[in-house]
Amino acid sequence: MEEREKPIGVFDSGLGGISVLRELVKIMPNEDYIYFGDSKNAPYGTKTSEEVWELTSHTFRYLLKRGVKAVVIACNTATSAAVRRLRQEYPEIPIVGIEPALKPAVLYRENSRVVVMATPMTLRREKFRLLMAKYEDRADIRPLPCPGLMEFIEKGILTGPELDGYLTDLFLPLRSEPIDSVVLGCTHYPFIREEILKVLGGGTVLFDGGEGTARELRRRVLLRGLGSERTSEGRVAFENSLPGEEMKRRAIRLFTGTYM
């Protein structure tokens, strides 16, 4: 197969990266994609950096064996732990990670109050601390660890009293002052946007890094001359580290927006 017609690999610790996959398909609909969710080992946000590196590099090598021409690490935790090292080891492969969309959230409103929702590990990483340091003089930035939240999405719980109760308790310590914007610092969280807004009420704007990641992947692919010349719509294949078909079915429902 000609190099430019090979698929793009998209990887996440579970199903959350499908929110990034949807953005990729919007701007590059003629490309083929292989989406791999490592639900067997989720969540990554409670693991050590070395554990996340081992899992991420293992899946990365698997995607290379599957013949991908580029890889998107659609997981904030895996990006923090592995993207720099993978780029050093595989300079010939376009590799794009994702990070919390803090910049647009800070620039949205002057001297605003910004809450960053993410896994505990993402917020502990030096990569996030450096990102936060760039903007902390321009906004009141509050990191908000969300242990257990991604598991709701993995189980298919996108609405309902259990999730609402979790979110209400999560934001309760921050509700004394208005929240101007919330950064969805995990790719799972865009699937519960409406539930988050319902708990916060009006006036809060949500930001996530999916669209920016998709644009950066397109830029790198085109820069290498690897863009598909196909004029028809590409195909998307879903794979998961858990055996059986249930996670693939959940993935398809999330991708098509029919998860009810």
C-alpha atoms as a PDB file:
ATOM      1  CA  MET A   1       0.000   0.000   0.000  1.00  0.00           C
ATOM      2  CA  GLU A   2       1.237   3.482  -0.837  1.00  0.00           C
ATOM      3  CA  GLU A   3       2.429   5.291   2.280  1.00  0.00           C
ATOM      4  CA  ARG A   4      -0.046   8.165   2.022  1.00  0.00           C
ATOM      5  CA  GLU A   5      -2.997   5.756   1.854  1.00  0.00           C
ATOM      6  CA  LYS A   6      -2.126   3.975   5.091  1.00  0.00           C
ATOM      7  CA  PRO A   7      -4.427   4.554   8.091  1.00  0.00           C
ATOM      8  CA  ILE A   8      -3.915   6.952  11.005  1.00  0.00           C
ATOM      9  CA  GLY A   9      -3.700   5.341  14.429  1.00  0.00           C
ATOM     10  CA  VAL A  10      -5.610   6.875  17.340  1.00  0.00           C
ATOM     11  CA  PHE A  11      -4.958   5.598  20.848  1.00  0.00           C
ATOM     12  CA  ASP A  12      -6.509   6.171  24.277  1.00  0.00           C
ATOM     13  CA  SER A  13      -6.621   4.435  27.636  1.00  0.00           C
ATOM     14  CA  GLY A  14     -10.255   3.626  26.873  1.00  0.00           C
ATOM     15  CA  LEU A  15     -13.120   5.166  24.925  1.00  0.00           C
ATOM     16  CA  GLY A  16     -12.488   8.853  25.643  1.00  0.00           C
ATOM     17  CA  GLY A  17     -10.226   9.397  22.650  1.00  0.00           C
ATOM     18  CA  ILE A  18     -13.239   8.897  20.407  1.00  0.00           C
ATOM     19  CA  SER A  19     -14.015  12.564  21.115  1.00  0.00           C
ATOM     20  CA  VAL A  20     -10.715  13.386  19.364  1.00  0.00           C
ATOM     21  CA  LEU A  21     -11.362  10.828  16.617  1.00  0.00           C
ATOM     22  CA  ARG A  22     -14.611  12.616  15.793  1.00  0.00           C
ATOM     23  CA  GLU A  23     -12.706  15.883  15.310  1.00  0.00           C
ATOM     24  CA  LEU A  24     -10.131  14.139  13.121  1.00  0.00           C
ATOM     25  CA  VAL A  25     -12.833  12.699  10.865  1.00  0.00           C
ATOM     26  CA  LYS A  26     -14.449  16.143  10.572  1.00  0.00           C
ATOM     27  CA  ILE A  27     -11.337  17.779   9.139  1.00  0.00           C
ATOM     28  CA  MET A  28      -9.844  14.737   7.349  1.00  0.00           C
ATOM     29  CA  PRO A  29     -12.868  12.667   6.291  1.00  0.00           C
ATOM     30  CA  ASN A  30     -11.025  10.935   3.452  1.00  0.00           C
ATOM     31  CA  GLU A  31      -8.474   9.267   5.752  1.00  0.00           C
ATOM     32  CA  ASP A  32      -8.703   5.751   7.179  1.00  0.00           C
ATOM     33  CA  TYR A  33      -8.385   5.365  10.971  1.00  0.00           C
ATOM     34  CA  ILE A  34      -7.647   2.609  13.466  1.00  0.00           C
ATOM     35  CA  TYR A  35      -8.889   3.454  16.943  1.00  0.00           C
ATOM     36  CA  PHE A  36      -7.417   1.418  19.790  1.00  0.00           C
ATOM     37  CA  GLY A  37      -8.834   1.693  23.313  1.00  0.00           C
ATOM     38  CA  ASP A  38      -6.863   0.113  26.136  1.00  0.00           C
ATOM     39  CA  SER A  39      -9.898  -0.383  28.376  1.00  0.00           C
ATOM     40  CA  LYS A  40      -8.331  -3.489  29.928  1.00  0.00           C
ATOM     41  CA  ASN A  41      -5.746  -1.296  31.656  1.00  0.00           C
ATOM     42  CA  ALA A  42      -7.872   1.794  32.275  1.00  0.00           C
ATOM     43  CA  PRO A  43      -7.710   4.125  34.065  1.00  0.00           C
ATOM     44  CA  TYR A  44      -4.207   5.436  33.328  1.00  0.00           C
ATOM     45  CA  GLY A  45      -4.669   8.451  35.601  1.00  0.00           C
ATOM     46  CA  THR A  46      -4.020   6.423  38.762  1.00  0.00           C
ATOM     47  CA  LYS A  47      -0.912   4.624  37.462  1.00  0.00           C
ATOM     48  CA  THR A  48       2.761   5.594  37.780  1.00  0.00           C
ATOM     49  CA  SER A  49       4.517   7.389  34.938  1.00  0.00           C
ATOM     50  CA  GLU A  50       6.585   4.303  34.141  1.00  0.00           C
ATOM     51  CA  GLU A  51       3.480   2.102  34.002  1.00  0.00           C
ATOM     52  CA  VAL A  52       1.807   4.544  31.612  1.00  0.00           C
ATOM     53  CA  TRP A  53       4.958   4.665  29.475  1.00  0.00           C
ATOM     54  CA  GLU A  54       5.068   0.874  29.202  1.00  0.00           C
ATOM     55  CA  LEU A  55       1.402   0.636  28.228  1.00  0.00           C
ATOM     56  CA  THR A  56       1.575   3.509  25.753  1.00  0.00           C
ATOM     57  CA  SER A  57       4.762   2.342  24.041  1.00  0.00           C
ATOM     58  CA  HIS A  58       3.349  -1.189  23.759  1.00  0.00           C
ATOM     59  CA  THR A  59       0.212   0.064  21.997  1.00  0.00           C
ATOM     60  CA  PHE A  60       2.263   2.433  19.851  1.00  0.00           C
ATOM     61  CA  ARG A  61       4.375  -0.458  18.569  1.00  0.00           C
ATOM     62  CA  TYR A  62       1.227  -2.474  17.924  1.00  0.00           C
ATOM     63  CA  LEU A  63      -0.223   0.333  15.802  1.00  0.00           C
ATOM     64  CA  LEU A  64       3.010   0.523  13.820  1.00  0.00           C
ATOM     65  CA  LYS A  65       2.698  -3.213  13.101  1.00  0.00           C
ATOM     66  CA  ARG A  66      -0.833  -2.510  11.879  1.00  0.00           C
ATOM     67  CA  GLY A  67       0.719  -0.227   9.271  1.00  0.00           C
ATOM     68  CA  VAL A  68      -0.307   3.252  10.437  1.00  0.00           C
ATOM     69  CA  LYS A  69       1.385   6.328   8.951  1.00  0.00           C
ATOM     70  CA  ALA A  70       0.805   8.617  11.951  1.00  0.00           C
ATOM     71  CA  VAL A  71      -0.337   8.293  15.559  1.00  0.00           C
ATOM     72  CA  VAL A  72      -2.546  10.447  17.763  1.00  0.00           C
ATOM     73  CA  ILE A  73      -2.189   9.839  21.496  1.00  0.00           C
ATOM     74  CA  ALA A  74      -5.707  10.929  22.405  1.00  0.00           C
ATOM     75  CA  CYS A  75      -5.117  10.690  26.150  1.00  0.00           C
ATOM     76  CA  ASN A  76      -3.797  13.513  28.339  1.00  0.00           C
ATOM     77  CA  THR A  77      -2.163  11.130  30.813  1.00  0.00           C
ATOM     78  CA  ALA A  78      -0.410   9.082  28.126  1.00  0.00           C
ATOM     79  CA  THR A  79       0.686  12.255  26.334  1.00  0.00           C
ATOM     80  CA  SER A  80       2.289  13.606  29.506  1.00  0.00           C
ATOM     81  CA  ALA A  81       4.105  10.356  30.194  1.00  0.00           C
ATOM     82  CA  ALA A  82       5.155   9.268  26.726  1.00  0.00           C
ATOM     83  CA  VAL A  83       4.831  11.637  23.767  1.00  0.00           C
ATOM     84  CA  ARG A  84       8.245  13.301  24.048  1.00  0.00           C
ATOM     85  CA  ARG A  85      10.060   9.990  24.390  1.00  0.00           C
ATOM     86  CA  LEU A  86       8.158   8.398  21.507  1.00  0.00           C
ATOM     87  CA  ARG A  87       9.005  11.328  19.217  1.00  0.00           C
ATOM     88  CA  GLN A  88      12.667  10.865  20.075  1.00  0.00           C
ATOM     89  CA  GLU A  89      12.555   7.142  19.387  1.00  0.00           C
ATOM     90  CA  TYR A  90      10.408   7.351  16.224  1.00  0.00           C
ATOM     91  CA  PRO A  91      11.312  10.651  14.509  1.00  0.00           C
ATOM     92  CA  GLU A  92      10.056   9.365  11.154  1.00  0.00           C
ATOM     93  CA  ILE A  93       6.443   9.023  12.388  1.00  0.00           C
ATOM     94  CA  PRO A  94       4.147  12.054  12.848  1.00  0.00           C
ATOM     95  CA  ILE A  95       3.061  11.794  16.505  1.00  0.00           C
ATOM     96  CA  VAL A  96       0.573  14.180  18.094  1.00  0.00           C
ATOM     97  CA  GLY A  97      -0.517  14.212  21.708  1.00  0.00           C
ATOM     98  CA  ILE A  98      -3.140  16.213  23.542  1.00  0.00           C
ATOM     99  CA  GLU A  99      -2.969  18.626  26.452  1.00  0.00           C
ATOM    100  CA  PRO A 100      -5.593  20.534  28.435  1.00  0.00           C
ATOM    101  CA  ALA A 101      -6.953  23.491  26.404  1.00  0.00           C
ATOM    102  CA  LEU A 102      -5.841  26.016  29.001  1.00  0.00           C
ATOM    103  CA  LYS A 103      -4.739  28.760  26.613  1.00  0.00           C
ATOM    104  CA  PRO A 104      -8.128  29.362  24.915  1.00  0.00           C
ATOM    105  CA  ALA A 105      -9.874  29.128  28.280  1.00  0.00           C
ATOM    106  CA  VAL A 106      -7.628  31.818  29.777  1.00  0.00           C
ATOM    107  CA  LEU A 107      -7.904  34.058  26.714  1.00  0.00           C
ATOM    108  CA  TYR A 108     -11.684  33.725  26.615  1.00  0.00           C
ATOM    109  CA  ARG A 109     -12.168  36.360  29.309  1.00  0.00           C
ATOM    110  CA  GLU A 110      -9.701  38.697  31.022  1.00  0.00           C
ATOM    111  CA  ASN A 111      -8.871  37.860  34.659  1.00  0.00           C
ATOM    112  CA  SER A 112     -11.269  34.927  34.580  1.00  0.00           C
ATOM    113  CA  ARG A 113     -11.708  32.000  36.936  1.00  0.00           C
ATOM    114  CA  VAL A 114     -10.724  28.799  35.155  1.00  0.00           C
ATOM    115  CA  VAL A 115     -11.207  25.262  36.467  1.00  0.00           C
ATOM    116  CA  VAL A 116      -9.138  22.461  34.914  1.00  0.00           C
ATOM    117  CA  MET A 117     -10.786  19.031  35.201  1.00  0.00           C
ATOM    118  CA  ALA A 118      -8.316  16.176  34.711  1.00  0.00           C
ATOM    119  CA  THR A 119      -7.062  12.898  36.120  1.00  0.00           C
ATOM    120  CA  PRO A 120      -4.873  13.172  39.229  1.00  0.00           C
ATOM    121  CA  MET A 121      -1.802  12.056  37.288  1.00  0.00           C
ATOM    122  CA  THR A 122      -2.248  14.631  34.515  1.00  0.00           C
ATOM    123  CA  LEU A 123      -2.379  17.400  37.116  1.00  0.00           C
ATOM    124  CA  ARG A 124       0.708  16.060  38.904  1.00  0.00           C
ATOM    125  CA  ARG A 125       2.879  15.923  35.800  1.00  0.00           C
ATOM    126  CA  GLU A 126       5.548  18.549  35.161  1.00  0.00           C
ATOM    127  CA  LYS A 127       4.051  19.100  31.684  1.00  0.00           C
ATOM    128  CA  PHE A 128       0.846  20.454  33.230  1.00  0.00           C
ATOM    129  CA  ARG A 129       2.662  22.490  35.890  1.00  0.00           C
ATOM    130  CA  LEU A 130       4.705  24.211  33.177  1.00  0.00           C
ATOM    131  CA  LEU A 131       1.556  24.853  31.134  1.00  0.00           C
ATOM    132  CA  MET A 132      -0.213  26.326  34.144  1.00  0.00           C
ATOM    133  CA  ALA A 133       2.798  28.517  34.978  1.00  0.00           C
ATOM    134  CA  LYS A 134       2.552  30.175  31.551  1.00  0.00           C
ATOM    135  CA  TYR A 135      -0.917  31.528  32.288  1.00  0.00           C
ATOM    136  CA  GLU A 136      -1.311  31.748  36.064  1.00  0.00           C
ATOM    137  CA  ASP A 137      -0.667  35.521  36.051  1.00  0.00           C
ATOM    138  CA  ARG A 138      -3.582  36.023  33.631  1.00  0.00           C
ATOM    139  CA  ALA A 139      -6.311  34.035  35.350  1.00  0.00           C
ATOM    140  CA  ASP A 140      -7.333  32.355  38.587  1.00  0.00           C
ATOM    141  CA  ILE A 141      -6.614  28.751  37.582  1.00  0.00           C
ATOM    142  CA  ARG A 142      -7.954  25.944  39.776  1.00  0.00           C
ATOM    143  CA  PRO A 143      -6.850  22.358  39.036  1.00  0.00           C
ATOM    144  CA  LEU A 144      -9.640  19.891  39.850  1.00  0.00           C
ATOM    145  CA  PRO A 145      -8.638  16.199  40.119  1.00  0.00           C
ATOM    146  CA  CYS A 146     -11.472  13.910  38.993  1.00  0.00           C
ATOM    147  CA  PRO A 147     -10.674  10.382  40.205  1.00  0.00           C
ATOM    148  CA  GLY A 148     -13.257   7.916  38.983  1.00  0.00           C
ATOM    149  CA  LEU A 149     -14.967  10.190  36.461  1.00  0.00           C
ATOM    150  CA  MET A 150     -13.674   8.495  33.330  1.00  0.00           C
ATOM    151  CA  GLU A 151     -15.034   5.192  34.607  1.00  0.00           C
ATOM    152  CA  PHE A 152     -18.570   6.540  34.212  1.00  0.00           C
ATOM    153  CA  ILE A 153     -17.987   7.048  30.479  1.00  0.00           C
ATOM    154  CA  GLU A 154     -16.258   3.673  30.107  1.00  0.00           C
ATOM    155  CA  LYS A 155     -19.350   2.027  31.598  1.00  0.00           C
ATOM    156  CA  GLY A 156     -21.674   3.985  29.333  1.00  0.00           C
ATOM    157  CA  ILE A 157     -23.062   6.194  32.113  1.00  0.00           C
ATOM    158  CA  LEU A 158     -23.369   9.546  30.332  1.00  0.00           C
ATOM    159  CA  THR A 159     -26.332  10.864  32.279  1.00  0.00           C
ATOM    160  CA  GLY A 160     -28.436  10.106  35.338  1.00  0.00           C
ATOM    161  CA  PRO A 161     -28.543  10.726  39.099  1.00  0.00           C
ATOM    162  CA  GLU A 162     -25.337   8.821  39.918  1.00  0.00           C
ATOM    163  CA  LEU A 163     -23.252  10.958  37.554  1.00  0.00           C
ATOM    164  CA  ASP A 164     -25.037  14.167  38.562  1.00  0.00           C
ATOM    165  CA  GLY A 165     -24.332  13.403  42.206  1.00  0.00           C
ATOM    166  CA  TYR A 166     -20.643  12.835  41.495  1.00  0.00           C
ATOM    167  CA  LEU A 167     -20.348  16.119  39.570  1.00  0.00           C
ATOM    168  CA  THR A 168     -22.307  18.090  42.178  1.00  0.00           C
ATOM    169  CA  ASP A 169     -19.996  16.880  44.954  1.00  0.00           C
ATOM    170  CA  LEU A 170     -16.934  17.464  42.768  1.00  0.00           C
ATOM    171  CA  PHE A 171     -17.698  21.134  42.111  1.00  0.00           C
ATOM    172  CA  LEU A 172     -19.176  21.932  45.513  1.00  0.00           C
ATOM    173  CA  PRO A 173     -15.935  23.367  47.025  1.00  0.00           C
ATOM    174  CA  LEU A 174     -15.580  25.748  44.035  1.00  0.00           C
ATOM    175  CA  ARG A 175     -19.130  27.041  43.834  1.00  0.00           C
ATOM    176  CA  SER A 176     -18.636  29.961  46.241  1.00  0.00           C
ATOM    177  CA  GLU A 177     -17.511  32.112  43.286  1.00  0.00           C
ATOM    178  CA  PRO A 178     -18.598  32.128  39.614  1.00  0.00           C
ATOM    179  CA  ILE A 179     -16.680  29.799  37.281  1.00  0.00           C
ATOM    180  CA  ASP A 180     -16.051  31.477  33.920  1.00  0.00           C
ATOM    181  CA  SER A 181     -14.689  28.460  32.075  1.00  0.00           C
ATOM    182  CA  VAL A 182     -13.909  24.797  32.572  1.00  0.00           C
ATOM    183  CA  VAL A 183     -11.135  22.951  30.743  1.00  0.00           C
ATOM    184  CA  LEU A 184     -12.022  19.328  29.996  1.00  0.00           C
ATOM    185  CA  GLY A 185      -8.557  17.907  30.563  1.00  0.00           C
ATOM    186  CA  CYS A 186      -9.431  14.287  29.765  1.00  0.00           C
ATOM    187  CA  THR A 187     -10.728  13.108  26.405  1.00  0.00           C
ATOM    188  CA  HIS A 188     -13.537  11.208  28.135  1.00  0.00           C
ATOM    189  CA  TYR A 189     -15.108  14.358  29.530  1.00  0.00           C
ATOM    190  CA  PRO A 190     -16.543  15.911  26.312  1.00  0.00           C
ATOM    191  CA  PHE A 191     -19.092  13.091  26.261  1.00  0.00           C
ATOM    192  CA  ILE A 192     -20.677  14.493  29.437  1.00  0.00           C
ATOM    193  CA  ARG A 193     -20.569  18.178  28.481  1.00  0.00           C
ATOM    194  CA  GLU A 194     -24.287  18.666  29.033  1.00  0.00           C
ATOM    195  CA  GLU A 195     -24.201  17.056  32.464  1.00  0.00           C
ATOM    196  CA  ILE A 196     -21.313  19.299  33.537  1.00  0.00           C
ATOM    197  CA  LEU A 197     -23.123  22.415  32.313  1.00  0.00           C
ATOM    198  CA  LYS A 198     -26.307  21.292  34.043  1.00  0.00           C
ATOM    199  CA  VAL A 199     -24.479  21.119  37.378  1.00  0.00           C
ATOM    200  CA  LEU A 200     -22.642  24.437  36.877  1.00  0.00           C
ATOM    201  CA  GLY A 201     -25.593  26.411  35.538  1.00  0.00           C
ATOM    202  CA  GLY A 202     -25.444  29.172  32.921  1.00  0.00           C
ATOM    203  CA  GLY A 203     -22.497  31.415  32.225  1.00  0.00           C
ATOM    204  CA  THR A 204     -19.754  28.774  32.174  1.00  0.00           C
ATOM    205  CA  VAL A 205     -17.990  27.877  28.919  1.00  0.00           C
ATOM    206  CA  LEU A 206     -16.298  24.513  28.352  1.00  0.00           C
ATOM    207  CA  PHE A 207     -13.053  23.988  26.430  1.00  0.00           C
ATOM    208  CA  ASP A 208     -11.370  20.784  25.247  1.00  0.00           C
ATOM    209  CA  GLY A 209      -8.298  20.067  23.149  1.00  0.00           C
ATOM    210  CA  GLY A 210      -9.809  17.749  20.536  1.00  0.00           C
ATOM    211  CA  GLU A 211     -10.149  20.205  17.662  1.00  0.00           C
ATOM    212  CA  GLY A 212      -6.667  21.682  18.167  1.00  0.00           C
ATOM    213  CA  THR A 213      -5.145  18.207  18.260  1.00  0.00           C
ATOM    214  CA  ALA A 214      -6.876  17.276  15.004  1.00  0.00           C
ATOM    215  CA  ARG A 215      -5.614  20.423  13.293  1.00  0.00           C
ATOM    216  CA  GLU A 216      -2.061  19.758  14.474  1.00  0.00           C
ATOM    217  CA  LEU A 217      -2.184  16.178  13.184  1.00  0.00           C
ATOM    218  CA  ARG A 218      -3.394  17.392   9.791  1.00  0.00           C
ATOM    219  CA  ARG A 219      -0.564  19.939   9.668  1.00  0.00           C
ATOM    220  CA  ARG A 220       2.082  17.321  10.415  1.00  0.00           C
ATOM    221  CA  VAL A 221       0.650  14.783   7.986  1.00  0.00           C
ATOM    222  CA  LEU A 222       0.491  17.305   5.146  1.00  0.00           C
ATOM    223  CA  LEU A 223       3.985  18.585   5.968  1.00  0.00           C
ATOM    224  CA  ARG A 224       5.330  15.061   5.431  1.00  0.00           C
ATOM    225  CA  GLY A 225       3.369  14.672   2.185  1.00  0.00           C
ATOM    226  CA  LEU A 226       1.312  11.870   3.740  1.00  0.00           C
ATOM    227  CA  GLY A 227      -2.208  13.180   3.160  1.00  0.00           C
ATOM    228  CA  SER A 228      -4.505  10.712   1.429  1.00  0.00           C
ATOM    229  CA  GLU A 229      -5.432  11.532  -2.177  1.00  0.00           C
ATOM    230  CA  ARG A 230      -8.653   9.570  -1.841  1.00  0.00           C
ATOM    231  CA  THR A 231     -11.769  11.609  -2.638  1.00  0.00           C
ATOM    232  CA  SER A 232     -14.205   9.175  -1.022  1.00  0.00           C
ATOM    233  CA  GLU A 233     -14.948   8.887   2.683  1.00  0.00           C
ATOM    234  CA  GLY A 234     -12.432   6.870   4.675  1.00  0.00           C
ATOM    235  CA  ARG A 235     -13.074   3.946   7.011  1.00  0.00           C
ATOM    236  CA  VAL A 236     -12.809   3.712  10.791  1.00  0.00           C
ATOM    237  CA  ALA A 237     -11.867   0.458  12.534  1.00  0.00           C
ATOM    238  CA  PHE A 238     -12.337   0.040  16.292  1.00  0.00           C
ATOM    239  CA  GLU A 239     -10.194  -2.235  18.447  1.00  0.00           C
ATOM    240  CA  ASN A 240      -9.971  -2.714  22.196  1.00  0.00           C
ATOM    241  CA  SER A 241      -7.705  -4.582  24.595  1.00  0.00           C
ATOM    242  CA  LEU A 242     -10.708  -6.138  26.349  1.00  0.00           C
ATOM    243  CA  PRO A 243     -11.878  -9.366  24.694  1.00  0.00           C
ATOM    244  CA  GLY A 244     -15.329  -9.608  23.185  1.00  0.00           C
ATOM    245  CA  GLU A 245     -17.394  -7.152  21.198  1.00  0.00           C
ATOM    246  CA  GLU A 246     -19.056  -5.039  23.903  1.00  0.00           C
ATOM    247  CA  MET A 247     -16.387  -2.299  24.043  1.00  0.00           C
ATOM    248  CA  LYS A 248     -16.327  -2.088  20.245  1.00  0.00           C
ATOM    249  CA  ARG A 249     -20.102  -1.636  20.255  1.00  0.00           C
ATOM    250  CA  ARG A 250     -19.789   1.103  22.872  1.00  0.00           C
ATOM    251  CA  ALA A 251     -17.081   2.757  20.796  1.00  0.00           C
ATOM    252  CA  ILE A 252     -19.256   2.805  17.694  1.00  0.00           C
ATOM    253  CA  ARG A 253     -22.183   4.237  19.621  1.00  0.00           C
ATOM    254  CA  LEU A 254     -20.020   7.021  21.053  1.00  0.00           C
ATOM    255  CA  PHE A 255     -18.545   7.743  17.625  1.00  0.00           C
ATOM    256  CA  THR A 256     -21.938   7.947  15.934  1.00  0.00           C
ATOM    257  CA  GLY A 257     -23.612   9.819  18.783  1.00  0.00           C
ATOM    258  CA  THR A 258     -26.193   7.095  19.359  1.00  0.00           C
ATOM    259  CA  TYR A 259     -25.137   6.217  22.910  1.00  0.00           C
ATOM    260  CA  MET A 260     -28.414   6.175  24.800  1.00  0.00           C
END
